[in-house]
N, C-alpha and C. Protein backbone atom coordinates (compact mmCIF):
# COMPACT_ATOMS: atom_id res chain seq x y z
N LYS A 1 38.57 -24.61 19.61
CA LYS A 1 37.69 -23.70 20.49
C LYS A 1 36.84 -22.93 19.85
N ALA A 2 37.43 -22.12 18.78
CA ALA A 2 36.63 -21.03 18.00
C ALA A 2 35.30 -21.77 17.52
N LEU A 3 35.71 -23.15 16.91
CA LEU A 3 34.52 -24.08 16.35
C LEU A 3 33.35 -24.32 17.17
N GLY A 4 33.57 -24.60 18.36
CA GLY A 4 32.73 -24.58 19.57
C GLY A 4 31.99 -23.49 19.78
N THR A 5 32.44 -22.17 19.80
CA THR A 5 32.18 -21.10 20.01
C THR A 5 31.13 -20.53 18.98
N ALA A 6 31.51 -20.74 17.82
CA ALA A 6 30.60 -20.50 16.75
C ALA A 6 29.37 -21.63 16.71
N ALA A 7 29.49 -22.63 17.09
CA ALA A 7 28.11 -23.39 17.31
C ALA A 7 27.36 -22.94 18.30
N ALA A 8 27.93 -22.86 19.55
CA ALA A 8 27.22 -22.03 20.55
C ALA A 8 26.30 -21.10 20.11
N ASP A 9 27.30 -20.02 19.26
CA ASP A 9 26.29 -18.72 19.16
C ASP A 9 25.22 -18.99 17.95
N GLU A 10 25.45 -19.98 17.16
CA GLU A 10 24.34 -20.54 16.01
C GLU A 10 23.14 -20.81 16.93
N LYS A 11 23.64 -21.51 17.83
CA LYS A 11 22.17 -22.61 18.74
C LYS A 11 21.50 -21.13 19.45
N GLU A 12 22.40 -20.26 19.97
CA GLU A 12 21.66 -19.05 20.67
C GLU A 12 20.99 -18.23 19.56
N ARG A 13 21.31 -18.24 18.47
CA ARG A 13 20.72 -17.26 17.60
C ARG A 13 19.42 -18.06 17.35
N GLU A 14 19.35 -19.35 17.09
CA GLU A 14 18.17 -20.32 16.59
C GLU A 14 17.39 -20.14 18.05
N VAL A 15 17.66 -20.15 19.23
CA VAL A 15 16.73 -19.83 20.23
C VAL A 15 15.92 -18.67 20.06
N GLN A 16 16.84 -17.55 19.97
CA GLN A 16 16.69 -16.17 19.82
C GLN A 16 15.38 -15.66 18.97
N ASP A 17 15.52 -16.31 17.43
CA ASP A 17 14.54 -16.35 16.49
C ASP A 17 13.42 -17.24 16.98
N ALA A 18 13.27 -18.11 17.54
CA ALA A 18 12.27 -19.22 17.97
C ALA A 18 11.51 -18.38 18.72
N GLU A 19 11.94 -17.78 19.53
CA GLU A 19 11.39 -16.71 20.80
C GLU A 19 10.76 -15.44 20.29
N GLU A 20 11.55 -14.94 19.41
CA GLU A 20 10.82 -13.72 18.77
C GLU A 20 9.66 -14.17 17.97
N GLU A 21 9.76 -15.38 17.15
CA GLU A 21 8.61 -15.72 16.44
C GLU A 21 7.37 -16.36 17.14
N ARG A 22 7.74 -16.83 18.54
CA ARG A 22 6.56 -17.17 19.45
C ARG A 22 5.74 -15.62 19.99
N ARG A 23 6.60 -14.89 20.20
CA ARG A 23 6.16 -13.63 20.18
C ARG A 23 5.54 -13.03 19.56
N VAL A 24 5.77 -13.04 18.34
CA VAL A 24 5.34 -12.28 17.36
C VAL A 24 3.82 -13.11 16.79
N ASN A 25 3.74 -14.65 16.68
CA ASN A 25 2.71 -15.37 16.66
C ASN A 25 1.26 -14.89 18.06
N ALA A 26 2.08 -14.63 18.76
CA ALA A 26 1.13 -14.27 20.28
C ALA A 26 0.44 -12.93 20.03
N VAL A 27 1.47 -11.82 19.20
CA VAL A 27 0.70 -10.78 18.94
C VAL A 27 -0.15 -10.80 18.18
N VAL A 28 -0.03 -11.61 17.05
CA VAL A 28 -0.98 -11.58 16.04
C VAL A 28 -2.14 -12.22 16.46
N ALA A 29 -2.22 -12.99 17.42
CA ALA A 29 -3.37 -13.61 17.62
C ALA A 29 -4.16 -12.74 18.80
N LEU A 30 -3.51 -12.07 19.61
CA LEU A 30 -4.02 -11.07 20.46
C LEU A 30 -4.44 -9.83 20.22
N SER A 31 -4.08 -9.49 18.70
CA SER A 31 -4.72 -8.33 18.00
C SER A 31 -5.96 -8.42 17.62
N LYS A 32 -6.29 -9.65 17.11
CA LYS A 32 -7.58 -10.27 16.53
C LYS A 32 -8.54 -10.40 18.06
N LEU A 33 -7.77 -10.78 19.01
CA LEU A 33 -8.93 -11.05 20.39
C LEU A 33 -9.39 -9.75 20.95
N VAL A 34 -8.36 -8.91 20.90
CA VAL A 34 -8.99 -7.66 21.93
C VAL A 34 -10.05 -6.98 20.79
N ASP A 35 -10.39 -7.35 19.73
CA ASP A 35 -11.42 -7.03 19.29
C ASP A 35 -12.84 -6.89 19.96
N HIS A 36 -12.75 -7.73 20.73
CA HIS A 36 -13.99 -8.24 21.63
C HIS A 36 -13.95 -7.88 23.09
N ALA A 37 -14.68 -7.51 23.63
CA ALA A 37 -15.17 -6.80 25.04
C ALA A 37 -14.64 -7.91 25.77
N ALA A 38 -15.37 -8.99 25.68
CA ALA A 38 -14.90 -10.18 26.67
C ALA A 38 -13.82 -10.93 26.72
N ALA A 39 -13.05 -11.02 25.34
CA ALA A 39 -11.79 -11.36 25.11
C ALA A 39 -10.79 -10.33 25.93
N LEU A 40 -10.98 -8.89 25.75
CA LEU A 40 -10.31 -8.01 26.49
C LEU A 40 -10.30 -8.48 27.90
N LYS A 41 -11.39 -8.70 28.36
CA LYS A 41 -11.60 -8.74 29.98
C LYS A 41 -10.64 -9.86 30.28
N ALA A 42 -10.67 -11.07 29.46
CA ALA A 42 -9.68 -12.22 29.52
C ALA A 42 -8.19 -11.86 29.54
N VAL A 43 -8.03 -10.92 28.93
CA VAL A 43 -6.62 -10.44 29.12
C VAL A 43 -6.12 -9.82 29.99
N GLU A 44 -7.18 -8.98 30.65
CA GLU A 44 -6.57 -8.02 31.80
C GLU A 44 -5.76 -8.66 32.88
N PRO A 45 -5.83 -10.10 33.29
CA PRO A 45 -4.82 -10.23 34.38
C PRO A 45 -3.44 -10.42 33.72
N HIS A 46 -3.53 -10.85 32.30
CA HIS A 46 -2.15 -10.88 31.79
C HIS A 46 -1.64 -9.43 31.00
N SER A 47 -2.34 -8.52 31.36
CA SER A 47 -2.00 -7.31 30.71
C SER A 47 -0.57 -7.02 30.77
N ASN A 48 0.09 -7.02 31.59
CA ASN A 48 1.77 -6.89 31.82
C ASN A 48 2.47 -7.52 30.87
N THR A 49 2.29 -9.00 30.49
CA THR A 49 2.78 -9.71 29.72
C THR A 49 2.49 -9.24 28.27
N VAL A 50 1.41 -9.04 27.72
CA VAL A 50 0.85 -8.51 26.81
C VAL A 50 1.12 -7.30 26.37
N ILE A 51 1.32 -6.37 27.12
CA ILE A 51 2.32 -4.96 26.85
C ILE A 51 3.60 -5.22 26.58
N THR A 52 4.36 -6.13 26.97
CA THR A 52 5.57 -6.53 27.00
C THR A 52 5.77 -6.79 25.96
N ALA A 53 5.10 -7.88 25.09
CA ALA A 53 5.17 -8.36 23.74
C ALA A 53 4.69 -7.36 22.90
N CYS A 54 3.74 -6.47 22.83
CA CYS A 54 3.63 -5.64 21.92
C CYS A 54 4.64 -4.30 21.91
N CYS A 55 4.80 -3.95 22.95
CA CYS A 55 5.99 -2.99 22.83
C CYS A 55 7.29 -3.78 21.68
N LEU A 56 7.57 -4.80 22.18
CA LEU A 56 8.37 -5.41 21.46
C LEU A 56 8.38 -5.65 20.01
N SER A 57 7.09 -5.83 19.73
CA SER A 57 6.78 -6.42 18.80
C SER A 57 6.55 -5.18 17.73
N ALA A 58 6.27 -3.81 18.40
CA ALA A 58 6.05 -2.51 17.58
C ALA A 58 7.14 -2.20 16.98
N THR A 59 8.38 -2.67 17.41
CA THR A 59 9.41 -2.12 16.42
C THR A 59 10.26 -3.54 15.67
N TYR A 60 9.38 -4.50 15.66
CA TYR A 60 9.77 -5.90 14.71
C TYR A 60 10.27 -5.36 13.40
N LYS A 61 11.68 -5.73 12.74
CA LYS A 61 11.86 -5.06 11.68
C LYS A 61 11.30 -5.92 10.37
N LYS A 62 10.84 -7.46 10.59
CA LYS A 62 10.79 -8.12 9.52
C LYS A 62 9.35 -7.89 8.93
N ARG A 63 8.28 -7.36 9.44
CA ARG A 63 7.06 -7.49 9.22
C ARG A 63 6.32 -6.43 9.59
N LYS A 64 6.20 -5.70 8.39
CA LYS A 64 5.14 -4.11 8.97
C LYS A 64 3.83 -4.66 9.48
N GLU A 65 3.25 -5.69 8.96
CA GLU A 65 1.73 -6.17 9.45
C GLU A 65 2.06 -6.20 11.00
N VAL A 66 3.07 -6.85 11.41
CA VAL A 66 3.30 -7.38 12.73
C VAL A 66 3.44 -5.66 13.76
N ARG A 67 4.42 -5.08 12.78
CA ARG A 67 4.34 -4.03 13.78
C ARG A 67 2.78 -2.98 13.67
N MET A 68 2.18 -3.06 13.01
CA MET A 68 0.63 -2.54 12.99
C MET A 68 0.06 -3.48 13.53
N MET A 69 -0.32 -4.40 13.72
CA MET A 69 -1.04 -5.55 14.60
C MET A 69 -0.65 -5.21 16.36
N ALA A 70 0.65 -4.87 16.48
CA ALA A 70 1.23 -4.78 17.88
C ALA A 70 0.66 -3.34 18.31
N LEU A 71 0.85 -2.00 17.38
CA LEU A 71 0.27 -0.70 17.77
C LEU A 71 -1.15 -0.74 18.07
N GLU A 72 -1.69 -1.89 17.06
CA GLU A 72 -3.47 -1.82 17.58
C GLU A 72 -3.80 -2.27 18.76
N CYS A 73 -2.82 -3.32 18.81
CA CYS A 73 -3.24 -4.08 19.90
C CYS A 73 -3.13 -3.50 21.32
N LEU A 74 -1.81 -2.31 21.29
CA LEU A 74 -1.78 -1.67 22.20
C LEU A 74 -2.73 -0.41 22.72
N SER A 75 -3.20 -0.11 21.33
CA SER A 75 -4.13 1.18 21.80
C SER A 75 -5.42 0.59 21.97
N LYS A 76 -5.78 -0.80 21.73
CA LYS A 76 -7.19 -1.16 22.18
C LYS A 76 -7.12 -1.53 23.82
N LEU A 77 -5.65 -1.84 24.23
CA LEU A 77 -5.29 -1.93 25.52
C LEU A 77 -5.89 -0.92 26.42
N THR A 78 -5.94 0.20 25.85
CA THR A 78 -6.10 1.40 26.60
C THR A 78 -7.55 1.47 27.00
N MET A 79 -8.41 0.35 26.87
CA MET A 79 -9.59 0.35 27.19
C MET A 79 -9.74 -0.30 28.42
N LEU A 80 -8.47 -1.12 28.93
CA LEU A 80 -8.69 -1.93 30.38
C LEU A 80 -8.56 -0.85 31.40
N PRO A 81 -9.08 -1.29 32.65
CA PRO A 81 -9.19 -0.12 33.63
C PRO A 81 -7.57 0.36 34.02
N TYR A 82 -7.61 1.55 34.24
CA TYR A 82 -6.46 2.72 34.39
C TYR A 82 -5.42 1.75 35.27
N GLU A 83 -6.05 1.04 36.61
CA GLU A 83 -5.36 0.68 37.53
C GLU A 83 -4.12 -0.53 36.90
N LYS A 84 -4.77 -0.94 35.84
CA LYS A 84 -3.64 -1.79 35.28
C LYS A 84 -2.71 -1.81 34.34
N LEU A 85 -3.01 -0.19 34.17
CA LEU A 85 -2.05 0.33 33.14
C LEU A 85 -1.06 1.28 33.65
N HIS A 86 -1.38 1.99 34.72
CA HIS A 86 -1.01 3.33 35.08
C HIS A 86 0.64 2.93 35.53
N GLY A 87 1.04 1.58 35.68
CA GLY A 87 2.39 1.57 36.36
C GLY A 87 3.49 1.33 34.94
N ARG A 88 2.56 1.10 33.91
CA ARG A 88 3.50 0.80 32.73
C ARG A 88 3.25 2.02 31.49
N LYS A 89 2.38 2.86 32.01
CA LYS A 89 2.13 4.26 30.89
C LYS A 89 3.75 4.62 30.30
N MET A 90 4.39 5.46 31.38
CA MET A 90 5.41 6.05 30.52
C MET A 90 6.25 4.83 30.03
N GLU A 91 6.53 4.04 30.38
CA GLU A 91 7.25 2.81 29.68
C GLU A 91 6.91 2.59 28.32
N VAL A 92 5.54 2.57 28.15
CA VAL A 92 4.78 2.04 27.09
C VAL A 92 4.94 3.39 26.11
N ILE A 93 5.05 4.71 26.61
CA ILE A 93 4.98 5.83 25.83
C ILE A 93 6.33 5.91 25.49
N ASN A 94 7.52 5.69 26.05
CA ASN A 94 9.02 5.84 25.62
C ASN A 94 8.89 4.49 24.78
N GLU A 95 8.64 3.29 24.71
CA GLU A 95 8.78 2.26 23.78
C GLU A 95 8.33 2.81 22.37
N LEU A 96 6.80 3.30 22.48
CA LEU A 96 6.04 3.95 21.19
C LEU A 96 6.90 5.20 20.39
N ALA A 97 7.68 5.89 21.40
CA ALA A 97 8.69 6.69 20.54
C ALA A 97 9.68 6.18 19.31
N LYS A 98 10.24 4.87 19.70
CA LYS A 98 10.83 4.10 18.60
C LYS A 98 10.14 3.77 17.25
N ALA A 99 8.77 3.60 17.43
CA ALA A 99 7.96 3.31 16.28
C ALA A 99 7.75 4.58 15.47
N LEU A 100 7.98 5.63 16.15
CA LEU A 100 7.63 7.25 15.46
C LEU A 100 8.67 7.45 14.37
N ASP A 101 9.85 6.27 14.64
CA ASP A 101 10.72 6.71 13.34
C ASP A 101 10.81 5.35 12.35
N ASP A 102 9.77 4.86 12.10
CA ASP A 102 9.74 3.59 11.36
C ASP A 102 9.68 3.98 9.88
N PRO A 103 10.14 3.36 8.91
CA PRO A 103 10.42 3.64 7.58
C PRO A 103 9.06 3.72 6.99
N LYS A 104 7.79 3.05 7.38
CA LYS A 104 6.81 3.03 6.93
C LYS A 104 5.96 4.30 7.34
N ARG A 105 5.04 4.84 6.55
CA ARG A 105 4.35 5.97 6.83
C ARG A 105 3.20 5.47 7.99
N ALA A 106 2.63 4.24 7.20
CA ALA A 106 1.31 3.74 7.78
C ALA A 106 1.79 3.46 9.55
N VAL A 107 2.95 3.06 9.75
CA VAL A 107 3.23 2.63 11.07
C VAL A 107 3.54 3.77 11.78
N ARG A 108 3.96 4.84 11.20
CA ARG A 108 4.20 6.27 12.17
C ARG A 108 3.18 6.61 12.40
N LYS A 109 2.04 6.65 11.77
CA LYS A 109 1.02 7.10 11.81
C LYS A 109 -0.05 6.35 12.88
N ALA A 110 0.11 5.12 13.03
CA ALA A 110 -0.46 4.08 13.72
C ALA A 110 0.05 4.48 15.05
N ALA A 111 1.36 4.72 15.21
CA ALA A 111 2.57 4.40 16.26
C ALA A 111 1.76 6.42 17.21
N VAL A 112 1.68 7.09 16.09
CA VAL A 112 1.08 8.50 16.80
C VAL A 112 -0.24 8.36 17.51
N LYS A 113 -1.19 7.40 17.10
CA LYS A 113 -2.29 7.36 17.48
C LYS A 113 -1.97 6.42 18.66
N THR A 114 -1.71 5.49 18.45
CA THR A 114 -1.82 4.71 19.87
C THR A 114 -0.79 5.60 21.03
N ARG A 115 -0.01 6.24 20.47
CA ARG A 115 1.01 6.82 21.68
C ARG A 115 0.04 7.97 22.39
N ASN A 116 -0.76 8.50 21.66
CA ASN A 116 -1.63 9.91 21.91
C ASN A 116 -2.83 8.93 22.97
N ALA A 117 -3.22 7.92 22.45
CA ALA A 117 -3.92 7.09 23.39
C ALA A 117 -3.40 6.60 24.71
N TRP A 118 -2.52 6.52 24.97
CA TRP A 118 -1.75 6.01 26.16
C TRP A 118 -1.33 7.51 26.85
N TYR A 119 -0.98 8.61 26.12
CA TYR A 119 -0.66 9.81 26.93
C TYR A 119 -2.12 10.65 27.59
N VAL A 120 -3.20 9.90 27.15
CA VAL A 120 -4.54 10.70 27.62
C VAL A 120 -5.01 9.88 28.69
N LEU A 121 -4.41 8.75 28.97
CA LEU A 121 -5.09 8.07 29.93
C LEU A 121 -4.97 8.53 31.29
N LYS A 122 -6.22 8.70 31.98
CA LYS A 122 -6.39 9.09 33.33
C LYS A 122 -6.96 8.19 34.43
N GLY A 123 -6.51 8.16 35.37
CA GLY A 123 -7.49 7.36 36.59
C GLY A 123 -8.59 8.08 37.39
């Protein structure tokens, strides 16, 4: 019975790793897209999904570059209309607090900048 449980646990870890890798790849692509106003407009209808992915990736422990891209993407998302962001504002600010304790100084600095951008959002 323990052998079956171990196999199930291993399979679950593989699924979680694959899901995490897909999210990371999406954030990397999105961070490059949101540099352009037209692409940012295209992301607008999916802003909730993008915000969730970026918040999760902002504390991704395996690669500093992913954390930096996620924070950059969250920062650029503040250019979207306030109506799209106001429901998630405090949630994002609270999630960004976790990135303030990152071991890398560059990530902490980006987290401060991004968190400030979300703090000053007004409708």
